[in-house]
Amino acid sequence: MTNDDRKIRKKLQTKTWNEIKTNDSWAIFKIMSEFVEGYERLSRIGPCVSIFGSARTKPDHANYKLAEEIAYKLTQNGFGVVTGGGPGIMEAGNKGAYRGKGVSVGLNIELPFEQHDNPYIDRGKSMDFDYFFVRKVMFVKYSQGFVVMPGGFGTMDELFEAITLIQTKKIGRFPIVLVNRKFWAGLLDWIKQTLLEENGNISEIDLNLFRIVDTADEAVEHFVKFYEKYNLAPNF
């Protein structure tokens, strides 16, 4: 490579780097716009519970039917339902809320697969996000609790972020209910044996930050009892 070639290459690299920095700066405004729109629209939805779970769960699956029943029963106890707005467990949550004539919210996100709006979201209560981290803030800020059905990496991400925020007192405590003991048993054993007993990475009291149940009645009862003691209020 000649000296002239090196100079040209350096000039192109500098130009590319400057373009990246410029794009990063402009991205701030897109991020801000998602926060502003989310805050303005979701601040009016009232008390809601977020329901998480796999987008791949089919309507004839027991977990789908259970999520729908939980959502329905939540609406009969004064709660609306927020989901990721897509298919599977998300659709089941919105469907149950729709059947119960309660608030049904969908916080969708652009993905290369799996994600599309389900038909059970209230008109005007469907939002689309480009940024996962903005969307996650909305789930936590405008939910009075989480129902976590069996799911994949995304479900685990939402679950552990909420537990971490409560554990570190970055947000006020709210109910987190894991549904289906058989599904969660292995993870709970690992948390107790590896994180707690073998390594001391968590405290025993941290195990009280979530509850594991099997039925819709158990799940909804936990929310009702929790809010007999505490006022409903946004987080952060």
C-alpha atoms as a PDB file:
ATOM      1  CA  MET A   1       0.000   0.000   0.000  1.00  0.00           C
ATOM      2  CA  THR A   2       1.423   3.365  -1.035  1.00  0.00           C
ATOM      3  CA  ASN A   3       1.411   6.521   1.089  1.00  0.00           C
ATOM      4  CA  ASP A   4      -1.339   7.955  -1.111  1.00  0.00           C
ATOM      5  CA  ASP A   5      -3.427   4.832  -0.571  1.00  0.00           C
ATOM      6  CA  ARG A   6      -2.954   5.133   3.193  1.00  0.00           C
ATOM      7  CA  LYS A   7      -4.050   8.791   3.129  1.00  0.00           C
ATOM      8  CA  ILE A   8      -7.183   7.944   1.130  1.00  0.00           C
ATOM      9  CA  ARG A   9      -8.023   5.064   3.456  1.00  0.00           C
ATOM     10  CA  LYS A  10      -7.574   7.235   6.551  1.00  0.00           C
ATOM     11  CA  LYS A  11      -9.752   9.952   5.033  1.00  0.00           C
ATOM     12  CA  LEU A  12     -12.533   7.435   4.292  1.00  0.00           C
ATOM     13  CA  GLN A  13     -12.316   5.973   7.795  1.00  0.00           C
ATOM     14  CA  THR A  14     -12.546   9.450   9.313  1.00  0.00           C
ATOM     15  CA  LYS A  15     -15.572  10.261   7.169  1.00  0.00           C
ATOM     16  CA  THR A  16     -17.281   7.011   8.141  1.00  0.00           C
ATOM     17  CA  TRP A  17     -16.596   7.602  11.827  1.00  0.00           C
ATOM     18  CA  ASN A  18     -17.992  11.125  11.629  1.00  0.00           C
ATOM     19  CA  GLU A  19     -21.129   9.808   9.932  1.00  0.00           C
ATOM     20  CA  ILE A  20     -21.578   7.252  12.714  1.00  0.00           C
ATOM     21  CA  LYS A  21     -21.239   9.945  15.383  1.00  0.00           C
ATOM     22  CA  THR A  22     -23.756  12.126  13.563  1.00  0.00           C
ATOM     23  CA  ASN A  23     -26.233   9.249  13.283  1.00  0.00           C
ATOM     24  CA  ASP A  24     -25.807   8.500  16.982  1.00  0.00           C
ATOM     25  CA  SER A  25     -26.608  12.086  17.857  1.00  0.00           C
ATOM     26  CA  TRP A  26     -29.760  12.140  15.741  1.00  0.00           C
ATOM     27  CA  ALA A  27     -30.862   8.819  17.254  1.00  0.00           C
ATOM     28  CA  ILE A  28     -31.265  10.621  20.574  1.00  0.00           C
ATOM     29  CA  PHE A  29     -34.242  12.510  19.177  1.00  0.00           C
ATOM     30  CA  LYS A  30     -35.898   9.304  17.973  1.00  0.00           C
ATOM     31  CA  ILE A  31     -35.395   7.775  21.426  1.00  0.00           C
ATOM     32  CA  MET A  32     -36.795  10.898  23.079  1.00  0.00           C
ATOM     33  CA  SER A  33     -39.842  10.827  20.837  1.00  0.00           C
ATOM     34  CA  GLU A  34     -40.603   7.225  21.814  1.00  0.00           C
ATOM     35  CA  PHE A  35     -40.348   8.096  25.505  1.00  0.00           C
ATOM     36  CA  VAL A  36     -42.542  11.187  25.147  1.00  0.00           C
ATOM     37  CA  GLU A  37     -45.253   9.398  23.169  1.00  0.00           C
ATOM     38  CA  GLY A  38     -45.171   6.442  25.559  1.00  0.00           C
ATOM     39  CA  TYR A  39     -45.445   8.611  28.664  1.00  0.00           C
ATOM     40  CA  GLU A  40     -48.278  10.701  27.243  1.00  0.00           C
ATOM     41  CA  ARG A  41     -50.393   7.810  26.008  1.00  0.00           C
ATOM     42  CA  LEU A  42     -49.796   5.274  28.761  1.00  0.00           C
ATOM     43  CA  SER A  43     -50.268   7.705  31.643  1.00  0.00           C
ATOM     44  CA  ARG A  44     -54.006   7.555  30.843  1.00  0.00           C
ATOM     45  CA  ILE A  45     -54.581   3.785  30.796  1.00  0.00           C
ATOM     46  CA  GLY A  46     -55.263   3.283  34.518  1.00  0.00           C
ATOM     47  CA  PRO A  47     -54.130   0.342  36.693  1.00  0.00           C
ATOM     48  CA  CYS A  48     -52.820  -2.464  34.494  1.00  0.00           C
ATOM     49  CA  VAL A  49     -50.938  -5.742  34.780  1.00  0.00           C
ATOM     50  CA  SER A  50     -48.421  -6.803  32.132  1.00  0.00           C
ATOM     51  CA  ILE A  51     -48.607 -10.366  30.832  1.00  0.00           C
ATOM     52  CA  PHE A  52     -45.495 -11.916  29.271  1.00  0.00           C
ATOM     53  CA  GLY A  53     -44.856 -15.230  27.549  1.00  0.00           C
ATOM     54  CA  SER A  54     -43.908 -16.921  24.332  1.00  0.00           C
ATOM     55  CA  ALA A  55     -45.049 -15.493  21.006  1.00  0.00           C
ATOM     56  CA  ARG A  56     -44.960 -19.066  19.675  1.00  0.00           C
ATOM     57  CA  THR A  57     -47.690 -20.474  21.928  1.00  0.00           C
ATOM     58  CA  LYS A  58     -50.667 -21.646  19.856  1.00  0.00           C
ATOM     59  CA  PRO A  59     -54.311 -20.850  20.702  1.00  0.00           C
ATOM     60  CA  ASP A  60     -55.073 -24.510  21.472  1.00  0.00           C
ATOM     61  CA  HIS A  61     -52.251 -24.755  24.036  1.00  0.00           C
ATOM     62  CA  ALA A  62     -53.081 -24.923  27.751  1.00  0.00           C
ATOM     63  CA  ASN A  63     -50.779 -21.970  28.495  1.00  0.00           C
ATOM     64  CA  TYR A  64     -52.630 -19.797  25.967  1.00  0.00           C
ATOM     65  CA  LYS A  65     -55.984 -20.636  27.545  1.00  0.00           C
ATOM     66  CA  LEU A  66     -54.604 -20.047  31.034  1.00  0.00           C
ATOM     67  CA  ALA A  67     -53.159 -16.642  30.098  1.00  0.00           C
ATOM     68  CA  GLU A  68     -56.518 -15.657  28.581  1.00  0.00           C
ATOM     69  CA  GLU A  69     -58.334 -16.695  31.749  1.00  0.00           C
ATOM     70  CA  ILE A  70     -55.900 -14.783  33.982  1.00  0.00           C
ATOM     71  CA  ALA A  71     -56.361 -11.650  31.872  1.00  0.00           C
ATOM     72  CA  TYR A  72     -60.134 -12.003  31.994  1.00  0.00           C
ATOM     73  CA  LYS A  73     -60.150 -12.406  35.771  1.00  0.00           C
ATOM     74  CA  LEU A  74     -57.808  -9.428  36.185  1.00  0.00           C
ATOM     75  CA  THR A  75     -60.319  -7.219  34.354  1.00  0.00           C
ATOM     76  CA  GLN A  76     -63.071  -8.436  36.660  1.00  0.00           C
ATOM     77  CA  ASN A  77     -60.991  -7.156  39.561  1.00  0.00           C
ATOM     78  CA  GLY A  78     -60.379  -3.680  38.168  1.00  0.00           C
ATOM     79  CA  PHE A  79     -57.126  -4.164  36.262  1.00  0.00           C
ATOM     80  CA  GLY A  80     -56.397  -3.606  32.595  1.00  0.00           C
ATOM     81  CA  VAL A  81     -53.881  -5.740  30.697  1.00  0.00           C
ATOM     82  CA  VAL A  82     -50.697  -4.748  28.883  1.00  0.00           C
ATOM     83  CA  THR A  83     -48.842  -7.132  26.580  1.00  0.00           C
ATOM     84  CA  GLY A  84     -46.204  -6.975  23.894  1.00  0.00           C
ATOM     85  CA  GLY A  85     -49.033  -6.756  21.378  1.00  0.00           C
ATOM     86  CA  GLY A  86     -48.037  -9.777  19.319  1.00  0.00           C
ATOM     87  CA  PRO A  87     -49.225 -13.380  18.921  1.00  0.00           C
ATOM     88  CA  GLY A  88     -49.070 -16.296  21.357  1.00  0.00           C
ATOM     89  CA  ILE A  89     -49.337 -15.491  25.054  1.00  0.00           C
ATOM     90  CA  MET A  90     -49.527 -11.786  24.215  1.00  0.00           C
ATOM     91  CA  GLU A  91     -52.596 -12.371  22.095  1.00  0.00           C
ATOM     92  CA  ALA A  92     -54.109 -14.520  24.845  1.00  0.00           C
ATOM     93  CA  GLY A  93     -53.642 -11.693  27.370  1.00  0.00           C
ATOM     94  CA  ASN A  94     -55.279  -9.113  25.132  1.00  0.00           C
ATOM     95  CA  LYS A  95     -58.043 -11.545  24.222  1.00  0.00           C
ATOM     96  CA  GLY A  96     -58.891 -12.154  27.879  1.00  0.00           C
ATOM     97  CA  ALA A  97     -58.952  -8.419  28.573  1.00  0.00           C
ATOM     98  CA  TYR A  98     -61.149  -7.845  25.518  1.00  0.00           C
ATOM     99  CA  ARG A  99     -63.538 -10.591  26.638  1.00  0.00           C
ATOM    100  CA  GLY A 100     -63.704  -9.028  30.090  1.00  0.00           C
ATOM    101  CA  LYS A 101     -64.378  -5.573  28.622  1.00  0.00           C
ATOM    102  CA  GLY A 102     -61.273  -4.228  30.326  1.00  0.00           C
ATOM    103  CA  VAL A 103     -58.432  -2.053  29.073  1.00  0.00           C
ATOM    104  CA  SER A 104     -56.321  -3.950  26.521  1.00  0.00           C
ATOM    105  CA  VAL A 105     -52.955  -2.413  25.587  1.00  0.00           C
ATOM    106  CA  GLY A 106     -50.299  -3.637  23.145  1.00  0.00           C
ATOM    107  CA  LEU A 107     -46.690  -2.415  23.104  1.00  0.00           C
ATOM    108  CA  ASN A 108     -45.356  -3.828  19.873  1.00  0.00           C
ATOM    109  CA  ILE A 109     -41.830  -3.783  18.494  1.00  0.00           C
ATOM    110  CA  GLU A 110     -40.284  -4.137  15.052  1.00  0.00           C
ATOM    111  CA  LEU A 111     -38.788  -7.656  14.762  1.00  0.00           C
ATOM    112  CA  PRO A 112     -37.573  -9.734  11.804  1.00  0.00           C
ATOM    113  CA  PHE A 113     -39.921 -12.570  12.784  1.00  0.00           C
ATOM    114  CA  GLU A 114     -42.779 -13.564  15.103  1.00  0.00           C
ATOM    115  CA  GLN A 115     -44.173 -10.115  15.861  1.00  0.00           C
ATOM    116  CA  HIS A 116     -47.378  -8.606  14.488  1.00  0.00           C
ATOM    117  CA  ASP A 117     -50.326  -6.838  16.116  1.00  0.00           C
ATOM    118  CA  ASN A 118     -53.035  -9.106  17.462  1.00  0.00           C
ATOM    119  CA  PRO A 119     -56.715  -8.136  16.923  1.00  0.00           C
ATOM    120  CA  TYR A 120     -57.695  -7.828  20.606  1.00  0.00           C
ATOM    121  CA  ILE A 121     -55.957  -4.544  21.428  1.00  0.00           C
ATOM    122  CA  ASP A 122     -58.162  -1.520  22.103  1.00  0.00           C
ATOM    123  CA  ARG A 123     -58.276   1.084  19.362  1.00  0.00           C
ATOM    124  CA  GLY A 124     -55.771   3.798  20.159  1.00  0.00           C
ATOM    125  CA  LYS A 125     -53.925   1.614  22.688  1.00  0.00           C
ATOM    126  CA  SER A 126     -51.470  -0.055  20.331  1.00  0.00           C
ATOM    127  CA  MET A 127     -47.971   1.420  20.165  1.00  0.00           C
ATOM    128  CA  ASP A 128     -44.965   0.455  18.041  1.00  0.00           C
ATOM    129  CA  PHE A 129     -41.394   0.787  19.312  1.00  0.00           C
ATOM    130  CA  ASP A 130     -38.011   0.589  17.620  1.00  0.00           C
ATOM    131  CA  TYR A 131     -36.045   0.338  20.862  1.00  0.00           C
ATOM    132  CA  PHE A 132     -36.371  -2.562  23.280  1.00  0.00           C
ATOM    133  CA  PHE A 133     -35.091  -0.522  26.215  1.00  0.00           C
ATOM    134  CA  VAL A 134     -37.738   2.193  25.747  1.00  0.00           C
ATOM    135  CA  ARG A 135     -40.454  -0.447  25.508  1.00  0.00           C
ATOM    136  CA  LYS A 136     -39.216  -2.155  28.682  1.00  0.00           C
ATOM    137  CA  VAL A 137     -39.395   1.122  30.595  1.00  0.00           C
ATOM    138  CA  MET A 138     -43.042   1.450  29.571  1.00  0.00           C
ATOM    139  CA  PHE A 139     -43.867  -2.045  30.822  1.00  0.00           C
ATOM    140  CA  VAL A 140     -42.338  -1.352  34.218  1.00  0.00           C
ATOM    141  CA  LYS A 141     -43.487   2.244  34.644  1.00  0.00           C
ATOM    142  CA  TYR A 142     -47.129   1.706  33.721  1.00  0.00           C
ATOM    143  CA  SER A 143     -47.752  -1.748  35.191  1.00  0.00           C
ATOM    144  CA  GLN A 144     -48.904  -2.599  38.685  1.00  0.00           C
ATOM    145  CA  GLY A 145     -47.403  -6.046  38.344  1.00  0.00           C
ATOM    146  CA  PHE A 146     -46.183  -8.789  35.999  1.00  0.00           C
ATOM    147  CA  VAL A 147     -47.712 -12.125  35.095  1.00  0.00           C
ATOM    148  CA  VAL A 148     -44.983 -14.243  33.531  1.00  0.00           C
ATOM    149  CA  MET A 149     -46.078 -17.269  31.543  1.00  0.00           C
ATOM    150  CA  PRO A 150     -43.699 -19.842  30.005  1.00  0.00           C
ATOM    151  CA  GLY A 151     -41.578 -18.204  27.321  1.00  0.00           C
ATOM    152  CA  GLY A 152     -38.135 -17.781  25.836  1.00  0.00           C
ATOM    153  CA  PHE A 153     -35.235 -15.345  26.109  1.00  0.00           C
ATOM    154  CA  GLY A 154     -37.411 -12.240  25.809  1.00  0.00           C
ATOM    155  CA  THR A 155     -39.672 -13.409  28.630  1.00  0.00           C
ATOM    156  CA  MET A 156     -36.651 -14.097  30.852  1.00  0.00           C
ATOM    157  CA  ASP A 157     -35.242 -10.678  30.014  1.00  0.00           C
ATOM    158  CA  GLU A 158     -38.413  -8.901  31.157  1.00  0.00           C
ATOM    159  CA  LEU A 159     -38.648 -11.038  34.294  1.00  0.00           C
ATOM    160  CA  PHE A 160     -35.102 -10.560  35.547  1.00  0.00           C
ATOM    161  CA  GLU A 161     -34.989  -6.863  34.717  1.00  0.00           C
ATOM    162  CA  ALA A 162     -38.073  -6.290  36.882  1.00  0.00           C
ATOM    163  CA  ILE A 163     -36.679  -8.407  39.724  1.00  0.00           C
ATOM    164  CA  THR A 164     -33.370  -6.518  39.552  1.00  0.00           C
ATOM    165  CA  LEU A 165     -35.065  -3.104  39.630  1.00  0.00           C
ATOM    166  CA  ILE A 166     -37.077  -4.090  42.689  1.00  0.00           C
ATOM    167  CA  GLN A 167     -34.131  -5.799  44.402  1.00  0.00           C
ATOM    168  CA  THR A 168     -31.964  -2.686  43.973  1.00  0.00           C
ATOM    169  CA  LYS A 169     -34.845  -0.393  45.012  1.00  0.00           C
ATOM    170  CA  LYS A 170     -34.809   1.504  41.729  1.00  0.00           C
ATOM    171  CA  ILE A 171     -38.576   1.043  41.592  1.00  0.00           C
ATOM    172  CA  GLY A 172     -41.245   0.315  44.166  1.00  0.00           C
ATOM    173  CA  ARG A 173     -42.121  -3.292  44.729  1.00  0.00           C
ATOM    174  CA  PHE A 174     -44.962  -4.789  42.725  1.00  0.00           C
ATOM    175  CA  PRO A 175     -46.276  -8.360  42.391  1.00  0.00           C
ATOM    176  CA  ILE A 176     -44.457 -10.714  40.013  1.00  0.00           C
ATOM    177  CA  VAL A 177     -46.312 -13.970  39.424  1.00  0.00           C
ATOM    178  CA  LEU A 178     -44.738 -16.880  37.540  1.00  0.00           C
ATOM    179  CA  VAL A 179     -47.371 -19.234  36.161  1.00  0.00           C
ATOM    180  CA  ASN A 180     -46.872 -23.005  35.736  1.00  0.00           C
ATOM    181  CA  ARG A 181     -44.750 -24.585  38.481  1.00  0.00           C
ATOM    182  CA  LYS A 182     -43.542 -27.394  36.232  1.00  0.00           C
ATOM    183  CA  PHE A 183     -42.054 -24.923  33.729  1.00  0.00           C
ATOM    184  CA  TRP A 184     -40.332 -22.770  36.374  1.00  0.00           C
ATOM    185  CA  ALA A 185     -39.196 -25.574  38.721  1.00  0.00           C
ATOM    186  CA  GLY A 186     -35.759 -26.095  37.157  1.00  0.00           C
ATOM    187  CA  LEU A 187     -34.958 -22.384  37.130  1.00  0.00           C
ATOM    188  CA  LEU A 188     -36.110 -21.994  40.735  1.00  0.00           C
ATOM    189  CA  ASP A 189     -33.938 -24.946  41.834  1.00  0.00           C
ATOM    190  CA  TRP A 190     -30.923 -23.369  40.098  1.00  0.00           C
ATOM    191  CA  ILE A 191     -31.593 -19.996  41.735  1.00  0.00           C
ATOM    192  CA  LYS A 192     -31.839 -21.584  45.187  1.00  0.00           C
ATOM    193  CA  GLN A 193     -28.973 -24.065  44.884  1.00  0.00           C
ATOM    194  CA  THR A 194     -26.471 -22.171  42.732  1.00  0.00           C
ATOM    195  CA  LEU A 195     -27.133 -18.466  43.213  1.00  0.00           C
ATOM    196  CA  LEU A 196     -28.154 -18.612  46.878  1.00  0.00           C
ATOM    197  CA  GLU A 197     -26.633 -21.652  48.618  1.00  0.00           C
ATOM    198  CA  GLU A 198     -23.444 -22.384  46.664  1.00  0.00           C
ATOM    199  CA  ASN A 199     -22.312 -18.877  45.739  1.00  0.00           C
ATOM    200  CA  GLY A 200     -24.234 -16.436  47.906  1.00  0.00           C
ATOM    201  CA  ASN A 201     -24.963 -14.216  44.909  1.00  0.00           C
ATOM    202  CA  ILE A 202     -28.420 -13.326  46.224  1.00  0.00           C
ATOM    203  CA  SER A 203     -30.048 -13.126  49.647  1.00  0.00           C
ATOM    204  CA  GLU A 204     -32.742 -15.514  50.833  1.00  0.00           C
ATOM    205  CA  ILE A 205     -35.158 -12.602  51.108  1.00  0.00           C
ATOM    206  CA  ASP A 206     -34.822 -12.061  47.330  1.00  0.00           C
ATOM    207  CA  LEU A 207     -36.818 -15.252  46.783  1.00  0.00           C
ATOM    208  CA  ASN A 208     -39.842 -13.336  48.082  1.00  0.00           C
ATOM    209  CA  LEU A 209     -39.734 -10.945  45.123  1.00  0.00           C
ATOM    210  CA  PHE A 210     -41.815 -13.348  43.030  1.00  0.00           C
ATOM    211  CA  ARG A 211     -44.537 -15.943  43.486  1.00  0.00           C
ATOM    212  CA  ILE A 212     -45.078 -19.196  41.558  1.00  0.00           C
ATOM    213  CA  VAL A 213     -48.660 -20.368  40.922  1.00  0.00           C
ATOM    214  CA  ASP A 214     -50.554 -22.828  38.759  1.00  0.00           C
ATOM    215  CA  THR A 215     -54.050 -21.414  38.390  1.00  0.00           C
ATOM    216  CA  ALA A 216     -55.716 -18.212  37.267  1.00  0.00           C
ATOM    217  CA  ASP A 217     -57.400 -17.796  40.636  1.00  0.00           C
ATOM    218  CA  GLU A 218     -54.061 -18.045  42.475  1.00  0.00           C
ATOM    219  CA  ALA A 219     -52.476 -15.483  40.171  1.00  0.00           C
ATOM    220  CA  VAL A 220     -55.270 -12.916  40.449  1.00  0.00           C
ATOM    221  CA  GLU A 221     -55.666 -13.441  44.193  1.00  0.00           C
ATOM    222  CA  HIS A 222     -52.028 -12.446  44.688  1.00  0.00           C
ATOM    223  CA  PHE A 223     -52.610  -9.108  42.945  1.00  0.00           C
ATOM    224  CA  VAL A 224     -55.834  -8.426  44.830  1.00  0.00           C
ATOM    225  CA  LYS A 225     -54.264  -9.147  48.231  1.00  0.00           C
ATOM    226  CA  PHE A 226     -51.161  -7.106  47.432  1.00  0.00           C
ATOM    227  CA  TYR A 227     -53.189  -4.026  46.554  1.00  0.00           C
ATOM    228  CA  GLU A 228     -55.401  -4.348  49.604  1.00  0.00           C
ATOM    229  CA  LYS A 229     -52.262  -3.136  51.423  1.00  0.00           C
ATOM    230  CA  TYR A 230     -50.728  -0.705  48.909  1.00  0.00           C
ATOM    231  CA  ASN A 231     -51.987   2.134  46.739  1.00  0.00           C
ATOM    232  CA  LEU A 232     -51.950   1.738  42.972  1.00  0.00           C
ATOM    233  CA  ALA A 233     -49.319   4.119  41.559  1.00  0.00           C
ATOM    234  CA  PRO A 234     -46.907   4.362  38.617  1.00  0.00           C
ATOM    235  CA  ASN A 235     -43.308   3.279  39.153  1.00  0.00           C
ATOM    236  CA  PHE A 236     -40.145   5.429  38.983  1.00  0.00           C
END
